[in-house]
Amino acid sequence: MNETTNKNAVFHSLRQSLAVTLILLLLCGFVFPILLSGISAVIFPSQAGGSLVYAGGQAVGAATVGQDFAEPYFMKGRPSACGYNTYYLDEQGNPHYNDGSEFAGLRTGSDNYAPSNPALMARVEADIEAFLAANPDVKREEIPADLMTASGSGLDPHITPESARIQIPALAAASGLSEEELEQIVENNTQGKLFGIFGEETVNVLGVNLDIAQAMGLVGAIDK
């Protein structure tokens, strides 16, 4: 009798454990994610959809992800890892990352070099020289630090207002827009401190460049 009772108790315990596991799996792995996604889509539709930005009816980027801009009439952002999984082939067929460095295989994020890493020093020095060439009226010591340094994720789409203003003379010369127009565009894309207290003022580079492109007649209607 005792042996039978013990077997029944063990079976009952296993059945309870399995039932609890299945219920929690259903709630936490299915019901909760769907419920949370549904609530997010209703309350924060743009964020839930990736914070996509549209120009001329086509998605051209995300408001929360930085991009690289090559044209001289576009504002430069922080060094970005947005192309970390893309590469090109040189004339010999050898792959290279978009910044010209040797392709080392697909990666999942930014380099996050230590300050003592020679590769970081080389990258910063190259970026400084490129920025000075594009902005001949700027001195080396006047370059804001955030234009030469990546964020922790390497994907920050924002720069400081100082970093935006220092580029305006060169942007005016390249785009044909007046400095006053560009200053207004920067102002329109400047975000203040959270609740007026936390963080710092930031400028969204993608927003600035879309407004520049629209003012130059390069894109149609913009939906940020």
C-alpha atoms as a PDB file:
ATOM      1  CA  MET A   1       0.000   0.000   0.000  1.00  0.00           C
ATOM      2  CA  ASN A   2       2.779   2.396   0.937  1.00  0.00           C
ATOM      3  CA  GLU A   3       4.634   1.662  -2.302  1.00  0.00           C
ATOM      4  CA  THR A   4       1.506   2.291  -4.343  1.00  0.00           C
ATOM      5  CA  THR A   5       0.826   5.487  -2.443  1.00  0.00           C
ATOM      6  CA  ASN A   6       4.375   6.716  -3.056  1.00  0.00           C
ATOM      7  CA  LYS A   7       4.102   6.002  -6.787  1.00  0.00           C
ATOM      8  CA  ASN A   8       0.819   7.876  -6.970  1.00  0.00           C
ATOM      9  CA  ALA A   9       2.351  10.817  -5.107  1.00  0.00           C
ATOM     10  CA  VAL A  10       5.322  10.902  -7.476  1.00  0.00           C
ATOM     11  CA  PHE A  11       3.038  10.702 -10.502  1.00  0.00           C
ATOM     12  CA  HIS A  12       0.826  13.453  -9.109  1.00  0.00           C
ATOM     13  CA  SER A  13       3.866  15.663  -8.451  1.00  0.00           C
ATOM     14  CA  LEU A  14       5.221  15.125 -11.956  1.00  0.00           C
ATOM     15  CA  ARG A  15       1.820  15.859 -13.463  1.00  0.00           C
ATOM     16  CA  GLN A  16       1.576  19.095 -11.475  1.00  0.00           C
ATOM     17  CA  SER A  17       5.096  20.130 -12.503  1.00  0.00           C
ATOM     18  CA  LEU A  18       4.366  19.440 -16.164  1.00  0.00           C
ATOM     19  CA  ALA A  19       1.067  21.336 -15.990  1.00  0.00           C
ATOM     20  CA  VAL A  20       2.697  24.364 -14.351  1.00  0.00           C
ATOM     21  CA  THR A  21       5.500  24.311 -16.945  1.00  0.00           C
ATOM     22  CA  LEU A  22       3.064  24.204 -19.849  1.00  0.00           C
ATOM     23  CA  ILE A  23       0.878  26.947 -18.370  1.00  0.00           C
ATOM     24  CA  LEU A  24       3.865  29.235 -17.741  1.00  0.00           C
ATOM     25  CA  LEU A  25       5.216  28.477 -21.215  1.00  0.00           C
ATOM     26  CA  LEU A  26       1.886  29.459 -22.724  1.00  0.00           C
ATOM     27  CA  LEU A  27       1.539  32.629 -20.635  1.00  0.00           C
ATOM     28  CA  CYS A  28       5.140  33.869 -20.771  1.00  0.00           C
ATOM     29  CA  GLY A  29       6.092  32.614 -24.217  1.00  0.00           C
ATOM     30  CA  PHE A  30       2.888  33.300 -26.129  1.00  0.00           C
ATOM     31  CA  VAL A  31       0.153  35.305 -24.383  1.00  0.00           C
ATOM     32  CA  PHE A  32       2.377  37.950 -22.739  1.00  0.00           C
ATOM     33  CA  PRO A  33       4.500  38.763 -25.858  1.00  0.00           C
ATOM     34  CA  ILE A  34       1.398  39.028 -28.057  1.00  0.00           C
ATOM     35  CA  LEU A  35      -0.417  41.161 -25.494  1.00  0.00           C
ATOM     36  CA  LEU A  36       2.590  43.450 -25.023  1.00  0.00           C
ATOM     37  CA  SER A  37       3.152  43.766 -28.773  1.00  0.00           C
ATOM     38  CA  GLY A  38      -0.526  44.572 -29.302  1.00  0.00           C
ATOM     39  CA  ILE A  39      -0.558  47.237 -26.596  1.00  0.00           C
ATOM     40  CA  SER A  40       2.673  48.746 -27.970  1.00  0.00           C
ATOM     41  CA  ALA A  41       1.268  48.846 -31.497  1.00  0.00           C
ATOM     42  CA  VAL A  42      -1.795  50.736 -30.255  1.00  0.00           C
ATOM     43  CA  ILE A  43      -0.127  53.153 -27.826  1.00  0.00           C
ATOM     44  CA  PHE A  44       3.225  53.613 -29.618  1.00  0.00           C
ATOM     45  CA  PRO A  45       2.615  52.668 -33.268  1.00  0.00           C
ATOM     46  CA  SER A  46       5.667  54.446 -34.663  1.00  0.00           C
ATOM     47  CA  GLN A  47       8.092  53.011 -32.106  1.00  0.00           C
ATOM     48  CA  ALA A  48       6.602  49.534 -32.445  1.00  0.00           C
ATOM     49  CA  GLY A  49       7.138  49.764 -36.200  1.00  0.00           C
ATOM     50  CA  GLY A  50      10.823  50.631 -35.821  1.00  0.00           C
ATOM     51  CA  SER A  51      10.554  54.454 -35.716  1.00  0.00           C
ATOM     52  CA  LEU A  52      10.852  54.488 -39.504  1.00  0.00           C
ATOM     53  CA  VAL A  53      11.254  57.778 -41.363  1.00  0.00           C
ATOM     54  CA  TYR A  54       9.768  58.204 -44.844  1.00  0.00           C
ATOM     55  CA  ALA A  55      10.629  60.480 -47.746  1.00  0.00           C
ATOM     56  CA  GLY A  56       8.629  60.425 -50.946  1.00  0.00           C
ATOM     57  CA  GLY A  57       6.624  57.492 -49.624  1.00  0.00           C
ATOM     58  CA  GLN A  58       9.672  55.266 -49.063  1.00  0.00           C
ATOM     59  CA  ALA A  59      11.417  54.344 -45.813  1.00  0.00           C
ATOM     60  CA  VAL A  60      14.841  56.007 -45.737  1.00  0.00           C
ATOM     61  CA  GLY A  61      15.952  55.194 -42.210  1.00  0.00           C
ATOM     62  CA  ALA A  62      14.983  55.010 -38.562  1.00  0.00           C
ATOM     63  CA  ALA A  63      14.842  57.988 -36.229  1.00  0.00           C
ATOM     64  CA  THR A  64      16.735  56.015 -33.578  1.00  0.00           C
ATOM     65  CA  VAL A  65      19.559  54.596 -35.730  1.00  0.00           C
ATOM     66  CA  GLY A  66      22.505  56.564 -37.090  1.00  0.00           C
ATOM     67  CA  GLN A  67      23.580  56.504 -40.720  1.00  0.00           C
ATOM     68  CA  ASP A  68      26.665  57.344 -42.744  1.00  0.00           C
ATOM     69  CA  PHE A  69      26.281  60.285 -45.155  1.00  0.00           C
ATOM     70  CA  ALA A  70      28.846  60.742 -47.917  1.00  0.00           C
ATOM     71  CA  GLU A  71      27.564  63.754 -49.879  1.00  0.00           C
ATOM     72  CA  PRO A  72      29.188  67.082 -48.906  1.00  0.00           C
ATOM     73  CA  TYR A  73      25.815  68.840 -48.598  1.00  0.00           C
ATOM     74  CA  PHE A  74      24.715  66.416 -45.857  1.00  0.00           C
ATOM     75  CA  MET A  75      25.545  66.849 -42.185  1.00  0.00           C
ATOM     76  CA  LYS A  76      27.923  64.299 -40.686  1.00  0.00           C
ATOM     77  CA  GLY A  77      26.942  62.327 -37.614  1.00  0.00           C
ATOM     78  CA  ARG A  78      28.925  60.341 -35.106  1.00  0.00           C
ATOM     79  CA  PRO A  79      31.017  57.380 -36.301  1.00  0.00           C
ATOM     80  CA  SER A  80      28.372  54.735 -36.880  1.00  0.00           C
ATOM     81  CA  ALA A  81      28.338  50.949 -36.890  1.00  0.00           C
ATOM     82  CA  CYS A  82      25.201  50.894 -39.036  1.00  0.00           C
ATOM     83  CA  GLY A  83      27.103  49.104 -41.818  1.00  0.00           C
ATOM     84  CA  TYR A  84      28.836  46.520 -39.649  1.00  0.00           C
ATOM     85  CA  ASN A  85      27.357  43.620 -41.627  1.00  0.00           C
ATOM     86  CA  THR A  86      27.938  45.063 -45.095  1.00  0.00           C
ATOM     87  CA  TYR A  87      31.038  45.012 -47.271  1.00  0.00           C
ATOM     88  CA  TYR A  88      32.262  45.581 -50.814  1.00  0.00           C
ATOM     89  CA  LEU A  89      34.732  43.804 -53.094  1.00  0.00           C
ATOM     90  CA  ASP A  90      37.818  45.580 -54.404  1.00  0.00           C
ATOM     91  CA  GLU A  91      39.248  45.139 -57.901  1.00  0.00           C
ATOM     92  CA  GLN A  92      41.005  41.948 -56.824  1.00  0.00           C
ATOM     93  CA  GLY A  93      37.793  40.558 -55.348  1.00  0.00           C
ATOM     94  CA  ASN A  94      38.888  40.983 -51.736  1.00  0.00           C
ATOM     95  CA  PRO A  95      36.133  42.006 -49.296  1.00  0.00           C
ATOM     96  CA  HIS A  96      36.394  45.190 -47.209  1.00  0.00           C
ATOM     97  CA  TYR A  97      34.086  46.894 -44.743  1.00  0.00           C
ATOM     98  CA  ASN A  98      32.544  50.181 -45.907  1.00  0.00           C
ATOM     99  CA  ASP A  99      35.233  52.174 -44.089  1.00  0.00           C
ATOM    100  CA  GLY A 100      37.918  50.438 -46.170  1.00  0.00           C
ATOM    101  CA  SER A 101      39.225  48.154 -43.425  1.00  0.00           C
ATOM    102  CA  GLU A 102      39.812  44.474 -44.151  1.00  0.00           C
ATOM    103  CA  PHE A 103      36.684  42.327 -43.928  1.00  0.00           C
ATOM    104  CA  ALA A 104      36.909  39.994 -40.936  1.00  0.00           C
ATOM    105  CA  GLY A 105      33.554  38.288 -41.304  1.00  0.00           C
ATOM    106  CA  LEU A 106      30.022  39.164 -40.238  1.00  0.00           C
ATOM    107  CA  ARG A 107      29.775  40.788 -36.837  1.00  0.00           C
ATOM    108  CA  THR A 108      26.993  41.723 -34.452  1.00  0.00           C
ATOM    109  CA  GLY A 109      27.887  45.249 -33.358  1.00  0.00           C
ATOM    110  CA  SER A 110      30.423  48.053 -33.093  1.00  0.00           C
ATOM    111  CA  ASP A 111      34.138  47.568 -32.435  1.00  0.00           C
ATOM    112  CA  ASN A 112      34.145  49.208 -28.977  1.00  0.00           C
ATOM    113  CA  TYR A 113      37.915  49.630 -29.120  1.00  0.00           C
ATOM    114  CA  ALA A 114      39.741  50.358 -25.874  1.00  0.00           C
ATOM    115  CA  PRO A 115      41.343  53.847 -25.686  1.00  0.00           C
ATOM    116  CA  SER A 116      44.770  52.228 -25.979  1.00  0.00           C
ATOM    117  CA  ASN A 117      43.915  50.348 -29.183  1.00  0.00           C
ATOM    118  CA  PRO A 118      46.025  51.619 -32.127  1.00  0.00           C
ATOM    119  CA  ALA A 119      43.108  50.936 -34.483  1.00  0.00           C
ATOM    120  CA  LEU A 120      40.980  53.447 -32.580  1.00  0.00           C
ATOM    121  CA  MET A 121      43.694  56.094 -32.750  1.00  0.00           C
ATOM    122  CA  ALA A 122      44.113  55.505 -36.484  1.00  0.00           C
ATOM    123  CA  ARG A 123      40.366  55.734 -37.084  1.00  0.00           C
ATOM    124  CA  VAL A 124      40.007  58.945 -35.074  1.00  0.00           C
ATOM    125  CA  GLU A 125      42.971  60.563 -36.809  1.00  0.00           C
ATOM    126  CA  ALA A 126      41.576  59.646 -40.231  1.00  0.00           C
ATOM    127  CA  ASP A 127      38.168  61.052 -39.270  1.00  0.00           C
ATOM    128  CA  ILE A 128      39.763  64.291 -38.042  1.00  0.00           C
ATOM    129  CA  GLU A 129      41.653  64.776 -41.297  1.00  0.00           C
ATOM    130  CA  ALA A 130      38.519  64.062 -43.345  1.00  0.00           C
ATOM    131  CA  PHE A 131      36.464  66.497 -41.280  1.00  0.00           C
ATOM    132  CA  LEU A 132      39.077  69.250 -41.566  1.00  0.00           C
ATOM    133  CA  ALA A 133      39.208  68.748 -45.335  1.00  0.00           C
ATOM    134  CA  ALA A 134      35.416  69.072 -45.556  1.00  0.00           C
ATOM    135  CA  ASN A 135      35.317  72.024 -43.136  1.00  0.00           C
ATOM    136  CA  PRO A 136      38.384  74.148 -44.007  1.00  0.00           C
ATOM    137  CA  ASP A 137      37.381  76.993 -41.668  1.00  0.00           C
ATOM    138  CA  VAL A 138      37.451  74.705 -38.606  1.00  0.00           C
ATOM    139  CA  LYS A 139      40.591  74.160 -36.559  1.00  0.00           C
ATOM    140  CA  ARG A 140      41.512  70.782 -35.129  1.00  0.00           C
ATOM    141  CA  GLU A 141      40.990  71.895 -31.535  1.00  0.00           C
ATOM    142  CA  GLU A 142      37.526  73.235 -32.372  1.00  0.00           C
ATOM    143  CA  ILE A 143      36.080  69.856 -33.437  1.00  0.00           C
ATOM    144  CA  PRO A 144      33.524  68.682 -30.836  1.00  0.00           C
ATOM    145  CA  ALA A 145      34.482  65.332 -29.320  1.00  0.00           C
ATOM    146  CA  ASP A 146      31.224  63.587 -30.171  1.00  0.00           C
ATOM    147  CA  LEU A 147      31.892  63.930 -33.920  1.00  0.00           C
ATOM    148  CA  MET A 148      34.990  61.744 -33.548  1.00  0.00           C
ATOM    149  CA  THR A 149      33.713  59.244 -30.973  1.00  0.00           C
ATOM    150  CA  ALA A 150      31.052  56.563 -31.342  1.00  0.00           C
ATOM    151  CA  SER A 151      28.394  55.884 -28.747  1.00  0.00           C
ATOM    152  CA  GLY A 152      28.394  52.641 -26.767  1.00  0.00           C
ATOM    153  CA  SER A 153      26.148  50.987 -29.348  1.00  0.00           C
ATOM    154  CA  GLY A 154      27.804  52.726 -32.282  1.00  0.00           C
ATOM    155  CA  LEU A 155      24.342  53.573 -33.606  1.00  0.00           C
ATOM    156  CA  ASP A 156      23.470  56.887 -31.949  1.00  0.00           C
ATOM    157  CA  PRO A 157      21.690  59.116 -34.513  1.00  0.00           C
ATOM    158  CA  HIS A 158      22.207  62.330 -32.517  1.00  0.00           C
ATOM    159  CA  ILE A 159      24.960  64.905 -32.188  1.00  0.00           C
ATOM    160  CA  THR A 160      25.294  67.941 -29.959  1.00  0.00           C
ATOM    161  CA  PRO A 161      24.042  71.345 -31.162  1.00  0.00           C
ATOM    162  CA  GLU A 162      27.688  72.501 -31.202  1.00  0.00           C
ATOM    163  CA  SER A 163      28.588  69.672 -33.591  1.00  0.00           C
ATOM    164  CA  ALA A 164      25.728  70.693 -35.868  1.00  0.00           C
ATOM    165  CA  ARG A 165      26.500  74.420 -35.865  1.00  0.00           C
ATOM    166  CA  ILE A 166      30.182  73.957 -36.644  1.00  0.00           C
ATOM    167  CA  GLN A 167      29.251  72.241 -39.932  1.00  0.00           C
ATOM    168  CA  ILE A 168      26.850  74.930 -41.164  1.00  0.00           C
ATOM    169  CA  PRO A 169      29.345  77.079 -43.161  1.00  0.00           C
ATOM    170  CA  ALA A 170      30.578  74.081 -45.166  1.00  0.00           C
ATOM    171  CA  LEU A 171      27.018  72.797 -45.647  1.00  0.00           C
ATOM    172  CA  ALA A 172      25.922  76.205 -46.934  1.00  0.00           C
ATOM    173  CA  ALA A 173      28.721  76.217 -49.495  1.00  0.00           C
ATOM    174  CA  ALA A 174      27.962  72.664 -50.668  1.00  0.00           C
ATOM    175  CA  SER A 175      24.164  72.825 -50.682  1.00  0.00           C
ATOM    176  CA  GLY A 176      23.535  76.358 -51.902  1.00  0.00           C
ATOM    177  CA  LEU A 177      21.266  76.992 -48.916  1.00  0.00           C
ATOM    178  CA  SER A 178      21.874  80.016 -46.718  1.00  0.00           C
ATOM    179  CA  GLU A 179      23.347  79.660 -43.268  1.00  0.00           C
ATOM    180  CA  GLU A 180      20.109  81.088 -41.871  1.00  0.00           C
ATOM    181  CA  GLU A 181      18.097  78.339 -43.571  1.00  0.00           C
ATOM    182  CA  LEU A 182      20.443  75.678 -42.227  1.00  0.00           C
ATOM    183  CA  GLU A 183      20.332  77.127 -38.724  1.00  0.00           C
ATOM    184  CA  GLN A 184      16.533  76.918 -38.826  1.00  0.00           C
ATOM    185  CA  ILE A 185      16.709  73.313 -40.055  1.00  0.00           C
ATOM    186  CA  VAL A 186      19.012  72.440 -37.162  1.00  0.00           C
ATOM    187  CA  GLU A 187      16.659  74.171 -34.743  1.00  0.00           C
ATOM    188  CA  ASN A 188      13.695  72.236 -36.137  1.00  0.00           C
ATOM    189  CA  ASN A 189      15.501  68.952 -35.495  1.00  0.00           C
ATOM    190  CA  THR A 190      16.836  69.788 -32.031  1.00  0.00           C
ATOM    191  CA  GLN A 191      15.384  67.842 -29.131  1.00  0.00           C
ATOM    192  CA  GLY A 192      15.494  69.369 -25.662  1.00  0.00           C
ATOM    193  CA  LYS A 193      16.275  67.715 -22.365  1.00  0.00           C
ATOM    194  CA  LEU A 194      13.854  65.056 -21.158  1.00  0.00           C
ATOM    195  CA  PHE A 195      11.253  66.843 -19.021  1.00  0.00           C
ATOM    196  CA  GLY A 196      13.556  69.859 -19.285  1.00  0.00           C
ATOM    197  CA  ILE A 197      15.902  68.289 -16.726  1.00  0.00           C
ATOM    198  CA  PHE A 198      17.510  65.013 -17.825  1.00  0.00           C
ATOM    199  CA  GLY A 199      20.174  64.601 -20.491  1.00  0.00           C
ATOM    200  CA  GLU A 200      21.315  67.221 -22.968  1.00  0.00           C
ATOM    201  CA  GLU A 201      19.987  68.897 -26.098  1.00  0.00           C
ATOM    202  CA  THR A 202      20.559  66.752 -29.181  1.00  0.00           C
ATOM    203  CA  VAL A 203      20.225  67.144 -32.946  1.00  0.00           C
ATOM    204  CA  ASN A 204      18.898  64.288 -35.082  1.00  0.00           C
ATOM    205  CA  VAL A 205      21.222  64.097 -38.090  1.00  0.00           C
ATOM    206  CA  LEU A 206      18.829  62.111 -40.292  1.00  0.00           C
ATOM    207  CA  GLY A 207      16.113  64.713 -39.711  1.00  0.00           C
ATOM    208  CA  VAL A 208      18.494  67.526 -40.621  1.00  0.00           C
ATOM    209  CA  ASN A 209      19.642  65.823 -43.801  1.00  0.00           C
ATOM    210  CA  LEU A 210      16.124  65.032 -44.932  1.00  0.00           C
ATOM    211  CA  ASP A 211      15.165  68.679 -44.495  1.00  0.00           C
ATOM    212  CA  ILE A 212      18.275  69.705 -46.433  1.00  0.00           C
ATOM    213  CA  ALA A 213      17.401  67.257 -49.216  1.00  0.00           C
ATOM    214  CA  GLN A 214      13.842  68.571 -49.353  1.00  0.00           C
ATOM    215  CA  ALA A 215      15.007  72.187 -49.449  1.00  0.00           C
ATOM    216  CA  MET A 216      17.292  71.246 -52.362  1.00  0.00           C
ATOM    217  CA  GLY A 217      14.428  69.511 -54.158  1.00  0.00           C
ATOM    218  CA  LEU A 218      15.990  66.060 -53.869  1.00  0.00           C
ATOM    219  CA  VAL A 219      13.122  64.344 -52.036  1.00  0.00           C
ATOM    220  CA  GLY A 220       9.378  64.677 -51.776  1.00  0.00           C
ATOM    221  CA  ALA A 221       7.142  64.817 -48.717  1.00  0.00           C
ATOM    222  CA  ILE A 222       8.790  63.768 -45.441  1.00  0.00           C
ATOM    223  CA  ASP A 223       7.130  61.829 -42.646  1.00  0.00           C
ATOM    224  CA  LYS A 224       9.363  61.651 -39.567  1.00  0.00           C
END
